[in-house]
């Protein structure tokens, strides 16, 4: 065991996806449930990157353990990229209501659909320093009606043309191969693996080594 990494999210769907993607890396994955209850930080950033960084730094400081956090959301072009960074809390937490609101707003603009994308920014922090970042997107369209039960969040209304279905109609492995979160955390996986060399869309602290970061005394 080379060290520990806190996966800083309370979203069970995200936890499952992330754990699957990072399966086999030489670290012990911890969740927030492994620590005394912590208040959630205020997500005051105006971009996915800013929110991911502030969450990673907050949990790294609070736990004393290398921590990874992500911020992700849906951008709908016909709605001026809303809900964007507000995706999780946009019009409450009932996704059925969110889907109805999206259809309503599209109708008010005289369109029946729109191109859209999911964005995910991942940040890893140790203490007060960001040591790794990655961002990825997946392009698609807003589906006419929600379809599928395998995903979570906005997955049932996100139609992915290359596969001819929504992300919620894909199994976990196939979804992770193309999704925003799958690609961003795959970059993290490469960074964590001792022989990983393909950094993809990453920005890593110059000269940093993932195993060294995990082994440094806290």
N, C-alpha and C. Protein backbone atom coordinates (compact mmCIF):
# COMPACT_ATOMS: atom_id res chain seq x y z
N UNK A 1 0.85 -1.19 0.00
CA UNK A 1 0.00 0.00 0.00
C UNK A 1 0.88 1.24 0.00
N UNK A 2 0.77 2.07 -0.99
CA UNK A 2 1.64 3.23 -1.10
C UNK A 2 1.12 4.45 -0.39
N UNK A 3 -0.12 4.48 -0.01
CA UNK A 3 -0.67 5.65 0.66
C UNK A 3 -2.17 5.67 0.53
N UNK A 4 -2.77 6.78 0.94
CA UNK A 4 -4.23 6.90 0.93
C UNK A 4 -4.66 8.12 0.13
N UNK A 5 -5.85 8.03 -0.40
CA UNK A 5 -6.44 9.11 -1.18
C UNK A 5 -7.90 9.23 -0.78
N UNK A 6 -8.30 10.41 -0.33
CA UNK A 6 -9.69 10.66 0.01
C UNK A 6 -10.45 11.06 -1.24
N UNK A 7 -11.53 10.34 -1.54
CA UNK A 7 -12.43 10.71 -2.63
C UNK A 7 -13.51 11.58 -2.01
N UNK A 8 -13.38 12.88 -2.23
CA UNK A 8 -14.18 13.85 -1.49
C UNK A 8 -15.53 14.13 -2.17
N UNK A 9 -16.44 13.19 -2.04
CA UNK A 9 -17.81 13.41 -2.50
C UNK A 9 -18.74 12.56 -1.65
N UNK A 10 -19.96 13.03 -1.49
CA UNK A 10 -20.98 12.26 -0.78
C UNK A 10 -22.00 11.69 -1.75
N UNK A 11 -21.79 11.92 -3.04
CA UNK A 11 -22.71 11.42 -4.07
C UNK A 11 -22.42 9.94 -4.32
N UNK A 12 -23.35 9.04 -3.98
CA UNK A 12 -23.08 7.61 -4.13
C UNK A 12 -22.84 7.18 -5.57
N UNK A 13 -23.50 7.83 -6.52
CA UNK A 13 -23.28 7.51 -7.93
C UNK A 13 -21.86 7.85 -8.35
N UNK A 14 -21.39 9.02 -7.95
CA UNK A 14 -20.02 9.41 -8.26
C UNK A 14 -19.02 8.47 -7.60
N UNK A 15 -19.26 8.14 -6.33
CA UNK A 15 -18.34 7.26 -5.61
C UNK A 15 -18.17 5.93 -6.32
N UNK A 16 -19.27 5.37 -6.77
CA UNK A 16 -19.19 4.08 -7.46
C UNK A 16 -18.39 4.19 -8.75
N UNK A 17 -18.69 5.23 -9.54
CA UNK A 17 -17.98 5.41 -10.80
C UNK A 17 -16.49 5.60 -10.57
N UNK A 18 -16.14 6.46 -9.60
CA UNK A 18 -14.74 6.77 -9.34
C UNK A 18 -14.00 5.53 -8.83
N UNK A 19 -14.64 4.79 -7.91
CA UNK A 19 -14.01 3.58 -7.37
C UNK A 19 -13.75 2.57 -8.48
N UNK A 20 -14.68 2.44 -9.42
CA UNK A 20 -14.49 1.51 -10.53
C UNK A 20 -13.32 1.94 -11.41
N UNK A 21 -13.23 3.24 -11.70
CA UNK A 21 -12.18 3.74 -12.58
C UNK A 21 -10.80 3.58 -11.92
N UNK A 22 -10.73 3.82 -10.61
CA UNK A 22 -9.45 3.78 -9.89
C UNK A 22 -9.12 2.40 -9.34
N UNK A 23 -9.94 1.42 -9.66
CA UNK A 23 -9.68 0.06 -9.19
C UNK A 23 -8.29 -0.41 -9.63
N UNK A 24 -7.51 -0.92 -8.69
CA UNK A 24 -6.20 -1.45 -9.01
C UNK A 24 -5.06 -0.47 -8.86
N UNK A 25 -5.34 0.81 -8.59
CA UNK A 25 -4.24 1.75 -8.38
C UNK A 25 -3.60 1.48 -7.02
N UNK A 26 -2.30 1.81 -6.85
CA UNK A 26 -1.59 1.47 -5.61
C UNK A 26 -1.86 2.45 -4.48
N UNK A 27 -3.11 2.72 -4.21
CA UNK A 27 -3.48 3.60 -3.10
C UNK A 27 -4.70 3.00 -2.40
N UNK A 28 -4.86 3.38 -1.16
CA UNK A 28 -6.05 2.99 -0.41
C UNK A 28 -7.08 4.11 -0.54
N UNK A 29 -8.21 3.82 -1.13
CA UNK A 29 -9.24 4.84 -1.33
C UNK A 29 -10.06 4.99 -0.06
N UNK A 30 -10.18 6.21 0.41
CA UNK A 30 -11.01 6.54 1.56
C UNK A 30 -12.16 7.42 1.09
N UNK A 31 -13.25 7.42 1.85
CA UNK A 31 -14.36 8.31 1.56
C UNK A 31 -14.57 9.22 2.77
N UNK A 32 -15.44 10.18 2.62
CA UNK A 32 -15.70 11.10 3.73
C UNK A 32 -16.33 10.37 4.92
N UNK A 33 -16.93 9.22 4.65
CA UNK A 33 -17.53 8.43 5.74
C UNK A 33 -16.46 7.86 6.67
N UNK A 34 -15.19 7.86 6.25
CA UNK A 34 -14.10 7.37 7.08
C UNK A 34 -13.62 8.40 8.09
N UNK A 35 -14.22 9.59 8.08
CA UNK A 35 -13.81 10.67 8.97
C UNK A 35 -15.00 11.18 9.76
N UNK A 36 -14.71 11.92 10.81
CA UNK A 36 -15.78 12.58 11.55
C UNK A 36 -16.53 13.51 10.60
N UNK A 37 -17.83 13.70 10.81
CA UNK A 37 -18.62 14.54 9.89
C UNK A 37 -17.99 15.92 9.70
N UNK A 38 -17.95 16.33 8.45
CA UNK A 38 -17.41 17.64 8.09
C UNK A 38 -18.47 18.45 7.37
N UNK A 39 -18.59 19.74 7.68
CA UNK A 39 -19.52 20.57 6.89
C UNK A 39 -19.01 20.70 5.48
N UNK A 40 -19.91 20.75 4.51
CA UNK A 40 -19.49 20.91 3.13
C UNK A 40 -19.01 22.33 2.88
N UNK A 41 -17.96 22.50 2.09
CA UNK A 41 -17.49 23.86 1.78
C UNK A 41 -18.46 24.56 0.84
N UNK A 42 -18.51 25.87 0.95
CA UNK A 42 -19.34 26.65 0.03
C UNK A 42 -18.68 26.65 -1.35
N UNK A 43 -19.44 26.26 -2.37
CA UNK A 43 -18.89 26.21 -3.73
C UNK A 43 -19.09 27.58 -4.38
N UNK A 44 -18.14 28.47 -4.10
CA UNK A 44 -18.26 29.86 -4.51
C UNK A 44 -17.58 30.16 -5.85
N UNK A 45 -16.97 29.15 -6.44
CA UNK A 45 -16.28 29.37 -7.70
C UNK A 45 -17.24 29.65 -8.84
N UNK A 46 -16.73 30.30 -9.87
CA UNK A 46 -17.54 30.59 -11.05
C UNK A 46 -17.24 29.63 -12.20
N UNK A 47 -16.28 28.74 -11.98
CA UNK A 47 -15.94 27.73 -12.98
C UNK A 47 -15.84 26.37 -12.30
N UNK A 48 -15.91 25.31 -13.11
CA UNK A 48 -15.75 23.96 -12.57
C UNK A 48 -14.37 23.81 -11.93
N UNK A 49 -13.36 24.40 -12.55
CA UNK A 49 -11.99 24.29 -12.03
C UNK A 49 -11.88 24.93 -10.66
N UNK A 50 -12.43 26.11 -10.51
CA UNK A 50 -12.34 26.80 -9.22
C UNK A 50 -13.01 25.99 -8.12
N UNK A 51 -14.19 25.45 -8.39
CA UNK A 51 -14.90 24.67 -7.38
C UNK A 51 -14.18 23.38 -7.03
N UNK A 52 -13.62 22.70 -8.04
CA UNK A 52 -12.88 21.47 -7.77
C UNK A 52 -11.67 21.76 -6.89
N UNK A 53 -10.96 22.82 -7.20
CA UNK A 53 -9.78 23.17 -6.40
C UNK A 53 -10.14 23.50 -4.97
N UNK A 54 -11.18 24.32 -4.78
CA UNK A 54 -11.50 24.72 -3.41
C UNK A 54 -11.96 23.53 -2.58
N UNK A 55 -12.68 22.58 -3.20
CA UNK A 55 -13.12 21.40 -2.46
C UNK A 55 -11.94 20.49 -2.13
N UNK A 56 -11.04 20.29 -3.09
CA UNK A 56 -9.87 19.44 -2.83
C UNK A 56 -9.01 20.03 -1.72
N UNK A 57 -8.77 21.33 -1.77
CA UNK A 57 -7.96 21.98 -0.74
C UNK A 57 -8.64 21.93 0.63
N UNK A 58 -9.94 22.12 0.65
CA UNK A 58 -10.69 22.08 1.91
C UNK A 58 -10.57 20.71 2.57
N UNK A 59 -10.82 19.66 1.80
CA UNK A 59 -10.82 18.32 2.40
C UNK A 59 -9.40 17.84 2.70
N UNK A 60 -8.42 18.24 1.92
CA UNK A 60 -7.04 17.88 2.24
C UNK A 60 -6.62 18.50 3.56
N UNK A 61 -7.01 19.75 3.77
CA UNK A 61 -6.69 20.44 5.01
C UNK A 61 -7.45 19.83 6.19
N UNK A 62 -8.73 19.52 5.99
CA UNK A 62 -9.57 19.01 7.08
C UNK A 62 -9.20 17.59 7.49
N UNK A 63 -8.76 16.77 6.54
CA UNK A 63 -8.46 15.36 6.84
C UNK A 63 -6.98 15.08 7.04
N UNK A 64 -6.13 15.94 6.51
CA UNK A 64 -4.70 15.70 6.57
C UNK A 64 -4.25 14.62 5.60
N UNK A 65 -5.09 14.27 4.65
CA UNK A 65 -4.81 13.21 3.69
C UNK A 65 -4.93 13.76 2.27
N UNK A 66 -4.09 13.27 1.39
CA UNK A 66 -4.20 13.62 -0.03
C UNK A 66 -5.66 13.43 -0.47
N UNK A 67 -6.25 14.45 -1.09
CA UNK A 67 -7.68 14.42 -1.40
C UNK A 67 -7.94 14.79 -2.85
N UNK A 68 -8.92 14.08 -3.44
CA UNK A 68 -9.35 14.40 -4.80
C UNK A 68 -10.81 14.83 -4.76
N UNK A 69 -11.11 15.89 -5.49
CA UNK A 69 -12.48 16.38 -5.61
C UNK A 69 -12.73 16.72 -7.07
N UNK A 70 -13.98 16.63 -7.46
CA UNK A 70 -14.31 17.05 -8.82
C UNK A 70 -15.50 17.98 -8.77
N UNK A 71 -15.61 18.79 -9.80
CA UNK A 71 -16.82 19.57 -9.99
C UNK A 71 -17.25 19.33 -11.42
N UNK A 72 -18.49 19.03 -11.59
CA UNK A 72 -18.97 18.68 -12.92
C UNK A 72 -20.39 19.21 -13.11
N UNK A 73 -20.79 19.25 -14.35
CA UNK A 73 -22.13 19.73 -14.62
C UNK A 73 -22.47 19.69 -16.09
N UNK A 74 -23.70 20.08 -16.38
CA UNK A 74 -24.24 20.05 -17.74
C UNK A 74 -24.32 21.46 -18.29
N UNK A 75 -23.82 21.65 -19.50
CA UNK A 75 -23.95 22.91 -20.22
C UNK A 75 -24.85 22.72 -21.43
N UNK A 76 -25.96 23.44 -21.46
CA UNK A 76 -26.92 23.34 -22.57
C UNK A 76 -26.77 24.61 -23.41
N UNK A 77 -26.35 24.45 -24.64
CA UNK A 77 -26.03 25.61 -25.47
C UNK A 77 -27.21 26.54 -25.67
N UNK A 78 -28.40 26.00 -25.91
CA UNK A 78 -29.58 26.84 -26.15
C UNK A 78 -30.02 27.60 -24.91
N UNK A 79 -29.51 27.21 -23.73
CA UNK A 79 -29.84 27.90 -22.47
C UNK A 79 -28.64 28.67 -21.95
N UNK A 80 -27.81 29.14 -22.89
CA UNK A 80 -26.63 29.92 -22.53
C UNK A 80 -25.72 29.17 -21.57
N UNK A 81 -25.60 27.87 -21.78
CA UNK A 81 -24.74 26.96 -21.01
C UNK A 81 -25.22 26.71 -19.59
N UNK A 82 -26.46 27.07 -19.31
CA UNK A 82 -27.05 26.68 -18.03
C UNK A 82 -27.39 25.19 -18.10
N UNK A 83 -27.42 24.52 -16.95
CA UNK A 83 -27.21 25.01 -15.58
C UNK A 83 -25.75 25.16 -15.18
N UNK A 84 -24.82 24.62 -15.93
CA UNK A 84 -23.40 24.87 -15.68
C UNK A 84 -22.94 24.48 -14.30
N UNK A 85 -22.20 25.39 -13.65
CA UNK A 85 -21.64 25.10 -12.32
C UNK A 85 -22.73 24.95 -11.26
N UNK A 86 -23.95 25.36 -11.59
CA UNK A 86 -25.06 25.24 -10.64
C UNK A 86 -25.86 23.95 -10.83
N UNK A 87 -25.36 23.03 -11.65
CA UNK A 87 -26.13 21.85 -12.04
C UNK A 87 -26.72 21.08 -10.87
N UNK A 88 -25.94 20.84 -9.84
CA UNK A 88 -26.40 19.98 -8.74
C UNK A 88 -27.61 20.56 -8.01
N UNK A 89 -27.63 21.87 -7.83
CA UNK A 89 -28.69 22.49 -7.03
C UNK A 89 -29.66 23.32 -7.86
N UNK A 90 -29.53 23.28 -9.17
CA UNK A 90 -30.37 24.06 -10.08
C UNK A 90 -31.80 23.56 -9.99
N UNK A 91 -32.71 24.44 -9.59
CA UNK A 91 -34.13 24.10 -9.44
C UNK A 91 -34.34 22.88 -8.54
N UNK A 92 -33.62 22.85 -7.43
CA UNK A 92 -33.82 21.80 -6.43
C UNK A 92 -33.03 20.54 -6.70
N UNK A 93 -33.45 19.46 -6.05
CA UNK A 93 -32.72 18.20 -6.16
C UNK A 93 -33.53 17.10 -6.83
N UNK A 94 -34.76 17.39 -7.22
CA UNK A 94 -35.61 16.42 -7.91
C UNK A 94 -35.29 16.47 -9.41
N UNK A 95 -34.67 15.40 -9.92
CA UNK A 95 -34.24 15.45 -11.32
C UNK A 95 -35.41 15.38 -12.29
N UNK A 96 -36.51 14.78 -11.89
CA UNK A 96 -37.68 14.82 -12.73
C UNK A 96 -38.13 16.25 -12.96
N UNK A 97 -38.09 17.05 -11.90
CA UNK A 97 -38.46 18.46 -12.01
C UNK A 97 -37.43 19.23 -12.84
N UNK A 98 -36.17 18.91 -12.66
CA UNK A 98 -35.13 19.57 -13.45
C UNK A 98 -35.36 19.30 -14.94
N UNK A 99 -35.67 18.04 -15.27
CA UNK A 99 -35.89 17.69 -16.68
C UNK A 99 -37.08 18.47 -17.25
N UNK A 100 -38.16 18.56 -16.46
CA UNK A 100 -39.34 19.32 -16.92
C UNK A 100 -38.99 20.78 -17.12
N UNK A 101 -38.18 21.33 -16.24
CA UNK A 101 -37.79 22.73 -16.34
C UNK A 101 -36.94 22.98 -17.60
N UNK A 102 -36.06 22.05 -17.91
CA UNK A 102 -35.25 22.18 -19.13
C UNK A 102 -36.14 22.20 -20.36
N UNK A 103 -37.13 21.28 -20.43
CA UNK A 103 -38.03 21.26 -21.57
C UNK A 103 -38.82 22.56 -21.66
N UNK A 104 -39.25 23.07 -20.51
CA UNK A 104 -40.01 24.31 -20.47
C UNK A 104 -39.17 25.48 -20.99
N UNK A 105 -37.94 25.59 -20.53
CA UNK A 105 -37.08 26.70 -20.94
C UNK A 105 -36.71 26.61 -22.42
N UNK A 106 -36.50 25.40 -22.90
CA UNK A 106 -36.23 25.23 -24.33
C UNK A 106 -37.44 25.66 -25.16
N UNK A 107 -38.63 25.27 -24.69
CA UNK A 107 -39.86 25.65 -25.38
C UNK A 107 -40.04 27.16 -25.42
N UNK A 108 -39.71 27.82 -24.31
CA UNK A 108 -39.84 29.28 -24.25
C UNK A 108 -38.91 29.97 -25.24
N UNK A 109 -37.85 29.30 -25.63
CA UNK A 109 -36.90 29.86 -26.59
C UNK A 109 -37.19 29.38 -28.00
N UNK A 110 -38.27 28.65 -28.15
CA UNK A 110 -38.70 28.23 -29.48
C UNK A 110 -37.89 27.11 -30.08
N UNK A 111 -37.25 26.30 -29.24
CA UNK A 111 -36.47 25.17 -29.75
C UNK A 111 -36.93 23.90 -29.04
N UNK A 112 -36.77 22.78 -29.70
CA UNK A 112 -37.19 21.51 -29.11
C UNK A 112 -36.02 20.72 -28.54
N UNK A 113 -34.80 21.13 -28.87
CA UNK A 113 -33.63 20.43 -28.38
C UNK A 113 -32.42 21.33 -28.42
N UNK A 114 -31.27 20.77 -28.08
CA UNK A 114 -30.05 21.58 -28.07
C UNK A 114 -28.83 20.68 -27.98
N UNK A 115 -27.75 21.16 -28.54
CA UNK A 115 -26.48 20.52 -28.26
C UNK A 115 -26.11 20.82 -26.82
N UNK A 116 -25.32 19.95 -26.23
CA UNK A 116 -24.96 20.10 -24.83
C UNK A 116 -23.68 19.34 -24.54
N UNK A 117 -23.14 19.57 -23.37
CA UNK A 117 -21.95 18.82 -22.97
C UNK A 117 -21.92 18.68 -21.46
N UNK A 118 -21.31 17.60 -21.02
CA UNK A 118 -20.95 17.44 -19.62
C UNK A 118 -19.49 17.85 -19.48
N UNK A 119 -19.18 18.54 -18.39
CA UNK A 119 -17.82 18.95 -18.09
C UNK A 119 -17.45 18.41 -16.72
N UNK A 120 -16.23 17.92 -16.57
CA UNK A 120 -15.75 17.47 -15.27
C UNK A 120 -14.33 17.97 -15.08
N UNK A 121 -14.10 18.65 -13.96
CA UNK A 121 -12.75 19.07 -13.59
C UNK A 121 -12.37 18.35 -12.31
N UNK A 122 -11.22 17.71 -12.32
CA UNK A 122 -10.71 16.96 -11.17
C UNK A 122 -9.48 17.69 -10.62
N UNK A 123 -9.42 17.80 -9.30
CA UNK A 123 -8.25 18.40 -8.65
C UNK A 123 -7.83 17.53 -7.47
N UNK A 124 -6.53 17.38 -7.29
CA UNK A 124 -5.97 16.65 -6.15
C UNK A 124 -5.14 17.63 -5.34
N UNK A 125 -5.34 17.62 -4.03
CA UNK A 125 -4.62 18.53 -3.14
C UNK A 125 -3.91 17.78 -2.03
N UNK A 126 -2.76 18.27 -1.69
CA UNK A 126 -2.05 17.83 -0.50
C UNK A 126 -1.77 19.07 0.33
N UNK A 127 -2.35 19.11 1.54
CA UNK A 127 -2.20 20.31 2.35
C UNK A 127 -2.79 21.52 1.65
N UNK A 128 -1.96 22.52 1.41
CA UNK A 128 -2.45 23.75 0.78
C UNK A 128 -2.00 23.86 -0.68
N UNK A 129 -1.71 22.73 -1.30
CA UNK A 129 -1.18 22.75 -2.66
C UNK A 129 -1.96 21.81 -3.57
N UNK A 130 -2.29 22.32 -4.76
CA UNK A 130 -2.87 21.48 -5.80
C UNK A 130 -1.72 20.78 -6.52
N UNK A 131 -1.77 19.43 -6.56
CA UNK A 131 -0.67 18.68 -7.16
C UNK A 131 -1.04 18.02 -8.49
N UNK A 132 -2.32 18.03 -8.81
CA UNK A 132 -2.75 17.42 -10.07
C UNK A 132 -4.11 18.01 -10.45
N UNK A 133 -4.30 18.21 -11.75
CA UNK A 133 -5.60 18.62 -12.27
C UNK A 133 -5.84 17.99 -13.63
N UNK A 134 -7.10 17.72 -13.93
CA UNK A 134 -7.48 17.23 -15.26
C UNK A 134 -8.89 17.70 -15.55
N UNK A 135 -9.17 17.99 -16.80
CA UNK A 135 -10.53 18.37 -17.20
C UNK A 135 -10.91 17.63 -18.48
N UNK A 136 -12.15 17.19 -18.54
CA UNK A 136 -12.61 16.47 -19.72
C UNK A 136 -14.08 16.80 -19.98
N UNK A 137 -14.50 16.60 -21.21
CA UNK A 137 -15.89 16.86 -21.60
C UNK A 137 -16.41 15.71 -22.44
N UNK A 138 -17.72 15.64 -22.55
CA UNK A 138 -18.35 14.73 -23.51
C UNK A 138 -19.45 15.54 -24.19
N UNK A 139 -19.47 15.52 -25.52
CA UNK A 139 -20.43 16.29 -26.30
C UNK A 139 -21.64 15.43 -26.65
N UNK A 140 -22.81 16.05 -26.61
CA UNK A 140 -24.03 15.32 -26.95
C UNK A 140 -25.18 16.26 -27.20
N UNK A 141 -26.40 15.77 -26.95
CA UNK A 141 -27.61 16.54 -27.18
C UNK A 141 -28.60 16.26 -26.05
N UNK A 142 -29.56 17.16 -25.91
CA UNK A 142 -30.64 16.95 -24.94
C UNK A 142 -31.69 16.05 -25.58
N UNK A 143 -31.98 14.92 -24.93
CA UNK A 143 -32.94 13.96 -25.46
C UNK A 143 -34.37 14.49 -25.34
N UNK A 144 -35.24 14.00 -26.21
CA UNK A 144 -36.65 14.40 -26.15
C UNK A 144 -37.30 14.01 -24.84
N UNK A 145 -36.99 12.82 -24.36
CA UNK A 145 -37.53 12.32 -23.10
C UNK A 145 -36.43 11.59 -22.34
N UNK A 146 -36.50 11.55 -21.02
CA UNK A 146 -35.50 10.80 -20.24
C UNK A 146 -35.56 9.32 -20.58
N UNK A 147 -34.39 8.70 -20.71
CA UNK A 147 -34.33 7.27 -21.01
C UNK A 147 -33.17 6.64 -20.25
N UNK A 148 -33.41 5.45 -19.73
CA UNK A 148 -32.36 4.70 -19.08
C UNK A 148 -32.39 4.81 -17.57
N UNK A 149 -31.87 3.80 -16.92
CA UNK A 149 -31.87 3.75 -15.46
C UNK A 149 -30.49 3.45 -14.87
N UNK A 150 -29.47 3.36 -15.71
CA UNK A 150 -28.16 2.97 -15.21
C UNK A 150 -27.31 4.13 -14.72
N UNK A 151 -27.67 5.34 -15.07
CA UNK A 151 -26.87 6.48 -14.67
C UNK A 151 -27.47 7.20 -13.48
N UNK A 152 -27.06 8.44 -13.31
CA UNK A 152 -27.62 9.28 -12.25
C UNK A 152 -27.55 10.72 -12.72
N UNK A 153 -28.15 11.62 -11.95
CA UNK A 153 -28.13 13.02 -12.33
C UNK A 153 -28.84 13.26 -13.65
N UNK A 154 -28.18 14.00 -14.54
CA UNK A 154 -28.76 14.36 -15.84
C UNK A 154 -28.55 13.28 -16.91
N UNK A 155 -27.94 12.16 -16.56
CA UNK A 155 -27.64 11.12 -17.56
C UNK A 155 -28.84 10.71 -18.43
N UNK A 156 -30.06 10.58 -17.86
CA UNK A 156 -31.19 10.11 -18.69
C UNK A 156 -31.60 11.06 -19.81
N UNK A 157 -31.20 12.34 -19.73
CA UNK A 157 -31.59 13.26 -20.81
C UNK A 157 -30.40 13.66 -21.67
N UNK A 158 -29.26 13.03 -21.45
CA UNK A 158 -28.08 13.36 -22.24
C UNK A 158 -27.88 12.29 -23.30
N UNK A 159 -28.22 12.65 -24.54
CA UNK A 159 -28.13 11.72 -25.68
C UNK A 159 -26.74 11.81 -26.27
N UNK A 160 -26.09 10.63 -26.43
CA UNK A 160 -24.74 10.56 -26.97
C UNK A 160 -24.81 9.96 -28.38
N UNK A 161 -24.75 10.79 -29.42
CA UNK A 161 -24.96 10.34 -30.80
C UNK A 161 -24.11 9.14 -31.24
N UNK A 162 -22.80 9.09 -30.91
CA UNK A 162 -22.02 7.94 -31.40
C UNK A 162 -22.56 6.58 -30.96
N UNK A 163 -23.22 6.53 -29.80
CA UNK A 163 -23.78 5.27 -29.32
C UNK A 163 -25.28 5.17 -29.56
N UNK A 164 -25.92 6.28 -29.98
CA UNK A 164 -27.34 6.26 -30.26
C UNK A 164 -28.22 6.05 -29.04
N UNK A 165 -27.77 6.51 -27.89
CA UNK A 165 -28.55 6.34 -26.67
C UNK A 165 -28.11 7.39 -25.65
N UNK A 166 -28.84 7.44 -24.54
CA UNK A 166 -28.45 8.34 -23.46
C UNK A 166 -27.37 7.67 -22.61
N UNK A 167 -26.67 8.48 -21.80
CA UNK A 167 -25.65 7.91 -20.93
C UNK A 167 -26.26 6.96 -19.90
N UNK A 168 -27.53 7.18 -19.55
CA UNK A 168 -28.19 6.31 -18.57
C UNK A 168 -28.57 4.96 -19.15
N UNK A 169 -28.43 4.80 -20.46
CA UNK A 169 -28.71 3.52 -21.09
C UNK A 169 -27.45 2.67 -21.26
N UNK A 170 -26.31 3.19 -20.81
CA UNK A 170 -25.05 2.47 -20.93
C UNK A 170 -24.69 1.77 -19.63
N UNK A 171 -23.96 0.67 -19.72
CA UNK A 171 -23.45 0.06 -18.50
C UNK A 171 -22.27 0.90 -18.00
N UNK A 172 -21.84 0.65 -16.77
CA UNK A 172 -20.82 1.48 -16.14
C UNK A 172 -19.54 1.54 -16.95
N UNK A 173 -19.08 0.40 -17.43
CA UNK A 173 -17.81 0.36 -18.15
C UNK A 173 -17.88 1.17 -19.45
N UNK A 174 -18.95 0.97 -20.21
CA UNK A 174 -19.07 1.68 -21.49
C UNK A 174 -19.26 3.18 -21.27
N UNK A 175 -20.01 3.54 -20.24
CA UNK A 175 -20.19 4.96 -19.94
C UNK A 175 -18.86 5.60 -19.57
N UNK A 176 -18.09 4.95 -18.70
CA UNK A 176 -16.81 5.52 -18.26
C UNK A 176 -15.83 5.70 -19.39
N UNK A 177 -15.98 4.91 -20.45
CA UNK A 177 -15.05 5.01 -21.57
C UNK A 177 -15.23 6.29 -22.37
N UNK A 178 -16.39 6.93 -22.24
CA UNK A 178 -16.65 8.14 -23.03
C UNK A 178 -17.07 9.34 -22.19
N UNK A 179 -17.45 9.13 -20.95
CA UNK A 179 -18.02 10.23 -20.16
C UNK A 179 -16.96 11.21 -19.70
N UNK A 180 -17.42 12.40 -19.36
CA UNK A 180 -16.57 13.46 -18.84
C UNK A 180 -15.82 13.01 -17.60
N UNK A 181 -16.54 12.41 -16.65
CA UNK A 181 -15.91 11.96 -15.40
C UNK A 181 -15.00 10.77 -15.66
N UNK A 182 -15.43 9.87 -16.52
CA UNK A 182 -14.60 8.72 -16.84
C UNK A 182 -13.26 9.13 -17.40
N UNK A 183 -13.26 10.09 -18.33
CA UNK A 183 -12.01 10.51 -18.95
C UNK A 183 -11.13 11.30 -17.98
N UNK A 184 -11.73 12.16 -17.16
CA UNK A 184 -10.94 12.95 -16.22
C UNK A 184 -10.30 12.06 -15.16
N UNK A 185 -11.07 11.10 -14.63
CA UNK A 185 -10.50 10.22 -13.61
C UNK A 185 -9.58 9.17 -14.21
N UNK A 186 -9.73 8.86 -15.49
CA UNK A 186 -8.77 7.98 -16.15
C UNK A 186 -7.41 8.66 -16.21
N UNK A 187 -7.40 9.98 -16.41
CA UNK A 187 -6.14 10.73 -16.39
C UNK A 187 -5.52 10.67 -15.00
N UNK A 188 -6.36 10.78 -13.96
CA UNK A 188 -5.85 10.64 -12.59
C UNK A 188 -5.29 9.25 -12.37
N UNK A 189 -5.98 8.25 -12.87
CA UNK A 189 -5.50 6.87 -12.74
C UNK A 189 -4.10 6.71 -13.34
N UNK A 190 -3.90 7.29 -14.54
CA UNK A 190 -2.59 7.20 -15.19
C UNK A 190 -1.52 7.86 -14.33
N UNK A 191 -1.88 8.97 -13.70
CA UNK A 191 -0.92 9.69 -12.85
C UNK A 191 -0.56 8.88 -11.61
N UNK A 192 -1.52 8.15 -11.08
CA UNK A 192 -1.30 7.38 -9.87
C UNK A 192 -0.53 6.09 -10.11
N UNK A 193 -0.65 5.53 -11.32
CA UNK A 193 0.04 4.28 -11.61
C UNK A 193 1.54 4.54 -11.77
N UNK A 194 2.39 3.70 -11.19
CA UNK A 194 3.84 3.91 -11.24
C UNK A 194 4.40 4.07 -12.65
N UNK A 195 3.85 3.32 -13.61
CA UNK A 195 4.38 3.38 -14.97
C UNK A 195 3.56 4.31 -15.86
N UNK A 196 2.59 5.04 -15.28
CA UNK A 196 1.74 5.90 -16.10
C UNK A 196 2.55 7.02 -16.74
N UNK A 197 2.35 7.23 -18.02
CA UNK A 197 3.10 8.27 -18.71
C UNK A 197 2.21 9.17 -19.54
N UNK A 198 1.00 8.67 -19.91
CA UNK A 198 0.10 9.45 -20.75
C UNK A 198 -0.73 10.35 -19.87
N UNK A 199 -0.38 11.64 -19.81
CA UNK A 199 -1.04 12.55 -18.89
C UNK A 199 -2.32 13.15 -19.45
N UNK A 200 -2.60 12.93 -20.74
CA UNK A 200 -3.86 13.42 -21.29
C UNK A 200 -4.00 14.92 -21.07
N UNK A 201 -5.21 15.32 -20.63
CA UNK A 201 -5.51 16.73 -20.43
C UNK A 201 -5.22 17.10 -18.99
N UNK A 202 -3.96 16.97 -18.56
CA UNK A 202 -3.64 17.20 -17.17
C UNK A 202 -2.71 18.38 -17.00
N UNK A 203 -2.72 18.90 -15.78
CA UNK A 203 -1.71 19.87 -15.39
C UNK A 203 -1.20 19.41 -14.04
N UNK A 204 0.05 18.97 -14.00
CA UNK A 204 0.63 18.43 -12.79
C UNK A 204 1.71 19.36 -12.30
N UNK A 205 1.85 19.48 -11.00
CA UNK A 205 2.90 20.30 -10.45
C UNK A 205 4.24 19.85 -11.02
N UNK A 206 5.05 20.76 -11.56
CA UNK A 206 6.31 20.36 -12.18
C UNK A 206 7.16 19.51 -11.23
N UNK A 207 7.62 18.36 -11.74
CA UNK A 207 8.48 17.51 -10.95
C UNK A 207 7.77 16.65 -9.93
N UNK A 208 6.45 16.73 -9.86
CA UNK A 208 5.74 15.95 -8.85
C UNK A 208 5.68 14.49 -9.25
N UNK A 209 5.65 13.64 -8.27
CA UNK A 209 5.52 12.20 -8.47
C UNK A 209 4.39 11.72 -7.59
N UNK A 210 3.40 11.02 -8.13
CA UNK A 210 2.24 10.65 -7.35
C UNK A 210 2.55 9.77 -6.15
N UNK A 211 3.44 8.80 -6.31
CA UNK A 211 3.75 7.93 -5.20
C UNK A 211 4.52 8.68 -4.13
N UNK A 212 5.42 9.57 -4.56
CA UNK A 212 6.14 10.41 -3.60
C UNK A 212 5.16 11.28 -2.80
N UNK A 213 4.17 11.83 -3.51
CA UNK A 213 3.17 12.66 -2.84
C UNK A 213 2.43 11.85 -1.78
N UNK A 214 2.09 10.60 -2.11
CA UNK A 214 1.37 9.76 -1.17
C UNK A 214 2.21 9.36 0.02
N UNK A 215 3.54 9.22 -0.18
CA UNK A 215 4.40 8.73 0.88
C UNK A 215 4.98 9.83 1.75
N UNK A 216 4.90 11.08 1.28
CA UNK A 216 5.45 12.18 2.08
C UNK A 216 4.75 12.24 3.42
N UNK A 217 5.49 12.48 4.52
CA UNK A 217 4.87 12.52 5.84
C UNK A 217 3.89 13.67 5.95
N UNK A 218 2.81 13.43 6.72
CA UNK A 218 1.80 14.45 6.93
C UNK A 218 1.90 14.98 8.36
